[in-house]
Amino acid sequence: MKKFVFTFTLACALALGGQSTFAEAKKKPDAPAPAAEKPKADPSKPLPFHSIVDSIDASGKSFSHKNKDGKEVKNVVTAKTELKNGDKEAKFEDIKVGDEVTGSRLKKSDTEYEVVKTTYIGAPKTKAAKPAGGEKKPDAPAKPNTK
């Protein structure tokens, strides 16, 4: 009988001790872990850009456009800027209001950038229209049975 009481007591102690261990493992942390912050962009690394020119400042050699928030963003062309239109050399004077300009630039502030290189200057390119949803290509003509 003493063995039974000892075994029973030991089993109960292990069972209760094991439950508290499991209960601690299931507890959720009190505070969520801080969200990882986005790494800041390297200010010396050029960023790609696509702009439709809203205004031009010929004396300051800059052109501007409005971003999606309605703020005017100024793109400054410097002596180091490589102006190209495709494979051809270009000049600042080639940029007109309403033109699309693409290339790369360095961020100077939230609303000012230094243009490093242009890759396209000209009329805005239109995207090819996709067929309306659900339209299928016509089936290929049936092959004649030659058997």
N, C-alpha and C. Protein backbone atom coordinates (compact mmCIF):
# COMPACT_ATOMS: atom_id res chain seq x y z
N MET A 1 0.81 -1.17 0.00
CA MET A 1 0.00 0.00 0.00
C MET A 1 0.87 1.26 0.00
N LYS A 2 1.99 1.25 0.67
CA LYS A 2 2.87 2.39 0.70
C LYS A 2 3.41 2.68 -0.70
N LYS A 3 3.71 1.64 -1.47
CA LYS A 3 4.20 1.82 -2.84
C LYS A 3 3.12 2.49 -3.69
N PHE A 4 1.87 2.07 -3.48
CA PHE A 4 0.77 2.64 -4.25
C PHE A 4 0.61 4.13 -3.95
N VAL A 5 0.63 4.52 -2.69
CA VAL A 5 0.47 5.91 -2.29
C VAL A 5 1.64 6.74 -2.84
N PHE A 6 2.85 6.19 -2.74
CA PHE A 6 4.02 6.89 -3.24
C PHE A 6 3.93 7.08 -4.75
N THR A 7 3.57 6.04 -5.46
CA THR A 7 3.45 6.09 -6.92
C THR A 7 2.35 7.07 -7.33
N PHE A 8 1.20 7.01 -6.63
CA PHE A 8 0.08 7.89 -6.93
C PHE A 8 0.47 9.35 -6.69
N THR A 9 1.15 9.64 -5.58
CA THR A 9 1.57 11.00 -5.24
C THR A 9 2.57 11.51 -6.27
N LEU A 10 3.50 10.65 -6.66
CA LEU A 10 4.50 11.01 -7.65
C LEU A 10 3.83 11.30 -9.00
N ALA A 11 2.89 10.46 -9.39
CA ALA A 11 2.17 10.66 -10.66
C ALA A 11 1.40 11.97 -10.64
N CYS A 12 0.73 12.27 -9.52
CA CYS A 12 -0.02 13.53 -9.41
C CYS A 12 0.92 14.73 -9.48
N ALA A 13 2.03 14.63 -8.81
CA ALA A 13 2.99 15.74 -8.80
C ALA A 13 3.53 15.99 -10.21
N LEU A 14 3.85 14.92 -10.91
CA LEU A 14 4.34 15.06 -12.28
C LEU A 14 3.26 15.61 -13.21
N ALA A 15 2.03 15.12 -13.00
CA ALA A 15 0.94 15.59 -13.85
C ALA A 15 0.68 17.07 -13.62
N LEU A 16 0.64 17.52 -12.40
CA LEU A 16 0.40 18.93 -12.11
C LEU A 16 1.60 19.78 -12.52
N GLY A 17 2.77 19.31 -12.29
CA GLY A 17 3.97 20.04 -12.69
C GLY A 17 4.07 20.14 -14.21
N GLY A 18 3.71 19.09 -14.89
CA GLY A 18 3.75 19.09 -16.35
C GLY A 18 2.73 20.04 -16.93
N GLN A 19 1.56 20.13 -16.30
CA GLN A 19 0.53 21.03 -16.81
C GLN A 19 0.96 22.48 -16.68
N SER A 20 1.57 22.81 -15.58
CA SER A 20 1.99 24.20 -15.41
C SER A 20 3.07 24.56 -16.42
N THR A 21 3.91 23.59 -16.76
CA THR A 21 4.93 23.83 -17.77
C THR A 21 4.29 24.08 -19.12
N PHE A 22 3.28 23.26 -19.45
CA PHE A 22 2.58 23.44 -20.73
C PHE A 22 1.81 24.75 -20.75
N ALA A 23 1.23 25.13 -19.62
CA ALA A 23 0.47 26.37 -19.56
C ALA A 23 1.39 27.56 -19.79
N GLU A 24 2.58 27.53 -19.24
CA GLU A 24 3.52 28.62 -19.45
C GLU A 24 3.95 28.68 -20.91
N ALA A 25 4.11 27.54 -21.55
CA ALA A 25 4.54 27.51 -22.94
C ALA A 25 3.46 28.08 -23.86
N LYS A 26 2.19 27.94 -23.48
CA LYS A 26 1.10 28.41 -24.33
C LYS A 26 0.78 29.89 -24.15
N LYS A 27 1.33 30.52 -23.11
CA LYS A 27 1.03 31.93 -22.86
C LYS A 27 1.51 32.77 -24.03
N LYS A 28 0.70 33.79 -24.35
CA LYS A 28 1.06 34.71 -25.42
C LYS A 28 1.91 35.82 -24.81
N PRO A 29 2.80 36.37 -25.58
CA PRO A 29 3.60 37.47 -25.04
C PRO A 29 2.70 38.67 -24.74
N ASP A 30 3.05 39.43 -23.69
CA ASP A 30 2.24 40.57 -23.28
C ASP A 30 2.21 41.66 -24.34
N ALA A 31 3.33 41.97 -24.92
CA ALA A 31 3.40 43.03 -25.93
C ALA A 31 3.92 42.44 -27.24
N PRO A 32 3.33 42.84 -28.35
CA PRO A 32 3.82 42.32 -29.62
C PRO A 32 5.23 42.83 -29.89
N ALA A 33 5.97 42.05 -30.63
CA ALA A 33 7.34 42.45 -30.97
C ALA A 33 7.27 43.68 -31.85
N PRO A 34 8.19 44.61 -31.70
CA PRO A 34 8.15 45.82 -32.53
C PRO A 34 8.32 45.44 -34.00
N ALA A 35 7.54 46.12 -34.85
CA ALA A 35 7.59 45.84 -36.29
C ALA A 35 8.95 46.28 -36.82
N ALA A 36 9.46 45.49 -37.73
CA ALA A 36 10.74 45.82 -38.33
C ALA A 36 10.57 47.06 -39.21
N GLU A 37 11.44 48.02 -39.04
CA GLU A 37 11.35 49.24 -39.83
C GLU A 37 11.96 48.99 -41.19
N LYS A 38 11.42 49.71 -42.19
CA LYS A 38 11.96 49.60 -43.54
C LYS A 38 13.35 50.21 -43.54
N PRO A 39 14.28 49.56 -44.23
CA PRO A 39 15.59 50.17 -44.31
C PRO A 39 15.50 51.45 -45.15
N LYS A 40 16.20 52.47 -44.74
CA LYS A 40 16.18 53.73 -45.46
C LYS A 40 16.90 53.57 -46.80
N ALA A 41 16.40 54.25 -47.82
CA ALA A 41 17.02 54.20 -49.13
C ALA A 41 18.38 54.88 -49.07
N ASP A 42 19.33 54.34 -49.78
CA ASP A 42 20.67 54.90 -49.84
C ASP A 42 20.61 56.19 -50.67
N PRO A 43 20.91 57.36 -50.07
CA PRO A 43 20.78 58.62 -50.80
C PRO A 43 21.75 58.75 -51.96
N SER A 44 22.80 57.94 -51.99
CA SER A 44 23.76 58.03 -53.09
C SER A 44 23.41 57.08 -54.23
N LYS A 45 22.34 56.30 -54.08
CA LYS A 45 21.94 55.36 -55.11
C LYS A 45 20.78 55.95 -55.93
N PRO A 46 20.95 56.05 -57.27
CA PRO A 46 19.89 56.62 -58.09
C PRO A 46 18.62 55.76 -58.07
N LEU A 47 17.48 56.46 -58.08
CA LEU A 47 16.18 55.81 -58.10
C LEU A 47 15.55 55.99 -59.48
N PRO A 48 14.85 54.98 -59.99
CA PRO A 48 14.19 55.15 -61.29
C PRO A 48 13.03 56.14 -61.16
N PHE A 49 12.73 56.86 -62.26
CA PHE A 49 11.58 57.75 -62.23
C PHE A 49 10.87 57.76 -63.58
N HIS A 50 9.61 58.13 -63.53
CA HIS A 50 8.72 58.26 -64.69
C HIS A 50 7.89 59.49 -64.42
N SER A 51 7.99 60.48 -65.29
CA SER A 51 7.34 61.75 -65.01
C SER A 51 6.67 62.29 -66.27
N ILE A 52 5.50 62.91 -66.11
CA ILE A 52 4.86 63.68 -67.16
C ILE A 52 5.06 65.14 -66.76
N VAL A 53 5.76 65.90 -67.59
CA VAL A 53 6.19 67.26 -67.25
C VAL A 53 4.99 68.20 -67.19
N ASP A 54 4.85 68.89 -66.04
CA ASP A 54 3.78 69.88 -65.84
C ASP A 54 4.30 71.30 -66.07
N SER A 55 5.58 71.55 -65.72
CA SER A 55 6.16 72.88 -65.90
C SER A 55 7.66 72.76 -66.09
N ILE A 56 8.23 73.80 -66.74
CA ILE A 56 9.67 73.83 -67.00
C ILE A 56 10.23 75.16 -66.54
N ASP A 57 11.38 75.10 -65.85
CA ASP A 57 12.11 76.30 -65.46
C ASP A 57 13.41 76.28 -66.25
N ALA A 58 13.45 76.99 -67.39
CA ALA A 58 14.61 76.97 -68.28
C ALA A 58 15.83 77.59 -67.61
N SER A 59 15.63 78.68 -66.85
CA SER A 59 16.77 79.34 -66.21
C SER A 59 17.38 78.46 -65.10
N GLY A 60 16.55 77.71 -64.40
CA GLY A 60 17.03 76.83 -63.34
C GLY A 60 17.31 75.42 -63.82
N LYS A 61 17.11 75.20 -65.12
CA LYS A 61 17.29 73.87 -65.73
C LYS A 61 16.61 72.78 -64.89
N SER A 62 15.29 72.94 -64.74
CA SER A 62 14.53 71.95 -63.99
C SER A 62 13.15 71.80 -64.62
N PHE A 63 12.54 70.65 -64.38
CA PHE A 63 11.16 70.42 -64.79
C PHE A 63 10.43 69.82 -63.60
N SER A 64 9.13 70.05 -63.56
CA SER A 64 8.34 69.61 -62.41
C SER A 64 7.12 68.83 -62.83
N HIS A 65 6.64 68.03 -61.90
CA HIS A 65 5.36 67.32 -62.06
C HIS A 65 4.70 67.24 -60.69
N LYS A 66 3.42 66.94 -60.68
CA LYS A 66 2.72 66.78 -59.40
C LYS A 66 2.62 65.29 -59.10
N ASN A 67 2.94 64.95 -57.85
CA ASN A 67 2.85 63.54 -57.45
C ASN A 67 1.40 63.20 -57.10
N LYS A 68 1.15 61.97 -56.71
CA LYS A 68 -0.22 61.53 -56.44
C LYS A 68 -0.87 62.27 -55.26
N ASP A 69 -0.05 62.87 -54.39
CA ASP A 69 -0.58 63.65 -53.26
C ASP A 69 -0.83 65.11 -53.64
N GLY A 70 -0.52 65.48 -54.89
CA GLY A 70 -0.73 66.84 -55.35
C GLY A 70 0.44 67.77 -55.10
N LYS A 71 1.53 67.26 -54.52
CA LYS A 71 2.71 68.08 -54.27
C LYS A 71 3.54 68.19 -55.55
N GLU A 72 4.11 69.38 -55.76
CA GLU A 72 4.97 69.58 -56.92
C GLU A 72 6.35 69.01 -56.63
N VAL A 73 6.85 68.18 -57.55
CA VAL A 73 8.16 67.56 -57.40
C VAL A 73 9.07 68.14 -58.48
N LYS A 74 10.20 68.69 -58.05
CA LYS A 74 11.13 69.37 -58.95
C LYS A 74 12.28 68.41 -59.29
N ASN A 75 12.59 68.30 -60.59
CA ASN A 75 13.69 67.48 -61.08
C ASN A 75 14.73 68.41 -61.70
N VAL A 76 15.90 68.50 -61.09
CA VAL A 76 16.94 69.43 -61.51
C VAL A 76 17.95 68.71 -62.41
N VAL A 77 18.23 69.33 -63.56
CA VAL A 77 19.23 68.81 -64.49
C VAL A 77 20.53 69.56 -64.22
N THR A 78 21.63 68.83 -64.01
CA THR A 78 22.92 69.45 -63.72
C THR A 78 23.89 69.21 -64.87
N ALA A 79 25.10 69.73 -64.72
CA ALA A 79 26.14 69.52 -65.73
C ALA A 79 26.53 68.04 -65.82
N LYS A 80 26.32 67.30 -64.72
CA LYS A 80 26.67 65.87 -64.70
C LYS A 80 25.56 64.98 -65.28
N THR A 81 24.37 65.54 -65.51
CA THR A 81 23.24 64.75 -65.99
C THR A 81 23.50 64.24 -67.40
N GLU A 82 23.26 62.96 -67.61
CA GLU A 82 23.39 62.35 -68.94
C GLU A 82 22.01 62.36 -69.59
N LEU A 83 21.83 63.27 -70.56
CA LEU A 83 20.54 63.39 -71.24
C LEU A 83 20.56 62.55 -72.51
N LYS A 84 19.70 61.54 -72.53
CA LYS A 84 19.57 60.66 -73.69
C LYS A 84 18.10 60.44 -73.97
N ASN A 85 17.81 60.19 -75.22
CA ASN A 85 16.47 59.81 -75.64
C ASN A 85 16.66 58.52 -76.42
N GLY A 86 16.56 57.40 -75.72
CA GLY A 86 16.91 56.12 -76.33
C GLY A 86 18.43 56.07 -76.46
N ASP A 87 18.91 55.81 -77.68
CA ASP A 87 20.36 55.77 -77.92
C ASP A 87 20.91 57.12 -78.33
N LYS A 88 20.04 58.09 -78.61
CA LYS A 88 20.46 59.39 -79.11
C LYS A 88 20.73 60.36 -77.97
N GLU A 89 21.68 61.27 -78.21
CA GLU A 89 21.94 62.35 -77.26
C GLU A 89 20.75 63.30 -77.26
N ALA A 90 20.49 63.94 -76.14
CA ALA A 90 19.39 64.89 -76.03
C ALA A 90 19.89 66.15 -75.33
N LYS A 91 19.08 67.21 -75.38
CA LYS A 91 19.39 68.47 -74.71
C LYS A 91 18.23 68.81 -73.78
N PHE A 92 18.49 69.67 -72.80
CA PHE A 92 17.43 70.09 -71.89
C PHE A 92 16.29 70.73 -72.67
N GLU A 93 16.61 71.44 -73.72
CA GLU A 93 15.61 72.13 -74.53
C GLU A 93 14.66 71.16 -75.23
N ASP A 94 15.01 69.87 -75.31
CA ASP A 94 14.14 68.87 -75.93
C ASP A 94 12.93 68.54 -75.04
N ILE A 95 13.01 68.87 -73.77
CA ILE A 95 11.92 68.56 -72.83
C ILE A 95 10.85 69.63 -72.96
N LYS A 96 9.61 69.20 -73.19
CA LYS A 96 8.47 70.11 -73.35
C LYS A 96 7.39 69.76 -72.32
N VAL A 97 6.53 70.72 -72.01
CA VAL A 97 5.40 70.48 -71.11
C VAL A 97 4.51 69.41 -71.74
N GLY A 98 4.12 68.41 -70.95
CA GLY A 98 3.29 67.31 -71.43
C GLY A 98 4.10 66.09 -71.85
N ASP A 99 5.43 66.26 -71.99
CA ASP A 99 6.28 65.13 -72.38
C ASP A 99 6.43 64.15 -71.23
N GLU A 100 6.70 62.93 -71.59
CA GLU A 100 7.05 61.89 -70.63
C GLU A 100 8.57 61.88 -70.55
N VAL A 101 9.10 61.83 -69.33
CA VAL A 101 10.55 61.74 -69.12
C VAL A 101 10.78 60.59 -68.16
N THR A 102 11.67 59.68 -68.55
CA THR A 102 12.02 58.56 -67.67
C THR A 102 13.54 58.53 -67.51
N GLY A 103 13.99 57.90 -66.45
CA GLY A 103 15.42 57.79 -66.20
C GLY A 103 15.70 57.46 -64.76
N SER A 104 16.77 58.03 -64.23
CA SER A 104 17.13 57.81 -62.83
C SER A 104 17.49 59.15 -62.20
N ARG A 105 17.30 59.24 -60.87
CA ARG A 105 17.54 60.49 -60.15
C ARG A 105 17.96 60.22 -58.72
N LEU A 106 18.58 61.23 -58.11
CA LEU A 106 18.99 61.16 -56.70
C LEU A 106 18.06 62.04 -55.88
N LYS A 107 17.64 61.55 -54.74
CA LYS A 107 16.74 62.31 -53.87
C LYS A 107 17.54 63.34 -53.08
N LYS A 108 17.12 64.60 -53.19
CA LYS A 108 17.73 65.69 -52.42
C LYS A 108 16.84 66.08 -51.24
N SER A 109 15.51 66.04 -51.45
CA SER A 109 14.54 66.29 -50.39
C SER A 109 13.24 65.61 -50.82
N ASP A 110 12.18 65.78 -50.04
CA ASP A 110 10.90 65.14 -50.38
C ASP A 110 10.33 65.65 -51.70
N THR A 111 10.69 66.87 -52.07
CA THR A 111 10.11 67.45 -53.29
C THR A 111 11.17 67.88 -54.31
N GLU A 112 12.42 67.50 -54.13
CA GLU A 112 13.46 67.87 -55.08
C GLU A 112 14.40 66.71 -55.34
N TYR A 113 14.69 66.49 -56.61
CA TYR A 113 15.57 65.41 -57.05
C TYR A 113 16.58 65.96 -58.04
N GLU A 114 17.75 65.33 -58.11
CA GLU A 114 18.76 65.63 -59.11
C GLU A 114 18.72 64.52 -60.16
N VAL A 115 18.48 64.91 -61.41
CA VAL A 115 18.39 63.91 -62.48
C VAL A 115 19.80 63.43 -62.80
N VAL A 116 20.01 62.11 -62.78
CA VAL A 116 21.30 61.51 -63.10
C VAL A 116 21.35 61.19 -64.59
N LYS A 117 20.25 60.61 -65.09
CA LYS A 117 20.23 60.18 -66.49
C LYS A 117 18.78 60.12 -66.98
N THR A 118 18.56 60.54 -68.22
CA THR A 118 17.25 60.33 -68.83
C THR A 118 17.39 59.23 -69.87
N THR A 119 16.34 58.44 -70.02
CA THR A 119 16.36 57.36 -71.00
C THR A 119 15.30 57.55 -72.08
N TYR A 120 14.29 58.38 -71.79
CA TYR A 120 13.25 58.68 -72.77
C TYR A 120 12.72 60.07 -72.52
N ILE A 121 12.61 60.84 -73.61
CA ILE A 121 11.99 62.16 -73.58
C ILE A 121 11.08 62.23 -74.78
N GLY A 122 9.79 62.44 -74.57
CA GLY A 122 8.89 62.54 -75.71
C GLY A 122 7.44 62.39 -75.32
N ALA A 123 6.62 62.17 -76.34
CA ALA A 123 5.19 62.01 -76.13
C ALA A 123 4.95 60.82 -75.21
N PRO A 124 3.96 60.94 -74.33
CA PRO A 124 3.66 59.82 -73.43
C PRO A 124 3.34 58.56 -74.21
N LYS A 125 3.94 57.47 -73.78
CA LYS A 125 3.68 56.17 -74.40
C LYS A 125 2.34 55.66 -73.89
N THR A 126 1.55 55.13 -74.77
CA THR A 126 0.27 54.55 -74.33
C THR A 126 0.45 53.06 -74.17
N LYS A 127 -0.21 52.54 -73.17
CA LYS A 127 -0.14 51.10 -72.93
C LYS A 127 -1.10 50.41 -73.87
N ALA A 128 -0.73 49.22 -74.34
CA ALA A 128 -1.60 48.46 -75.24
C ALA A 128 -2.86 48.09 -74.49
N ALA A 129 -3.99 48.28 -75.14
CA ALA A 129 -5.28 47.95 -74.52
C ALA A 129 -5.44 46.45 -74.45
N LYS A 130 -5.88 46.00 -73.29
CA LYS A 130 -6.13 44.57 -73.13
C LYS A 130 -7.56 44.27 -73.55
N PRO A 131 -7.80 43.07 -74.07
CA PRO A 131 -9.18 42.74 -74.43
C PRO A 131 -10.06 42.77 -73.19
N ALA A 132 -11.33 43.10 -73.40
CA ALA A 132 -12.27 43.15 -72.29
C ALA A 132 -12.29 41.80 -71.58
N GLY A 133 -12.55 41.82 -70.29
CA GLY A 133 -12.51 40.61 -69.46
C GLY A 133 -13.27 39.44 -70.05
N GLY A 134 -12.62 38.32 -70.11
CA GLY A 134 -13.29 37.09 -70.53
C GLY A 134 -13.23 36.82 -72.02
N GLU A 135 -12.78 37.81 -72.82
CA GLU A 135 -12.72 37.53 -74.25
C GLU A 135 -11.58 36.56 -74.50
N LYS A 136 -11.85 35.62 -75.38
CA LYS A 136 -10.84 34.62 -75.71
C LYS A 136 -10.37 34.84 -77.13
N LYS A 137 -9.18 34.35 -77.41
CA LYS A 137 -8.68 34.39 -78.78
C LYS A 137 -9.52 33.43 -79.60
N PRO A 138 -9.72 33.72 -80.87
CA PRO A 138 -10.50 32.79 -81.69
C PRO A 138 -9.77 31.47 -81.81
N ASP A 139 -10.55 30.40 -81.87
CA ASP A 139 -9.95 29.07 -81.98
C ASP A 139 -9.26 28.94 -83.33
N ALA A 140 -8.21 28.13 -83.35
CA ALA A 140 -7.50 27.88 -84.60
C ALA A 140 -8.40 27.08 -85.52
N PRO A 141 -8.28 27.29 -86.84
CA PRO A 141 -9.13 26.52 -87.75
C PRO A 141 -8.85 25.03 -87.60
N ALA A 142 -9.89 24.26 -87.76
CA ALA A 142 -9.74 22.80 -87.62
C ALA A 142 -8.86 22.27 -88.73
N LYS A 143 -8.01 21.32 -88.39
CA LYS A 143 -7.15 20.68 -89.38
C LYS A 143 -7.97 19.65 -90.14
N PRO A 144 -7.79 19.60 -91.44
CA PRO A 144 -8.55 18.59 -92.19
C PRO A 144 -8.06 17.20 -91.83
N ASN A 145 -8.99 16.27 -91.81
CA ASN A 145 -8.68 14.89 -91.52
C ASN A 145 -8.13 14.24 -92.78
N THR A 146 -6.88 13.82 -92.77
CA THR A 146 -6.24 13.25 -93.97
C THR A 146 -6.18 11.74 -93.92
N LYS A 147 -6.85 11.12 -93.06
CA LYS A 147 -6.78 9.66 -92.95
C LYS A 147 -7.68 9.00 -93.95
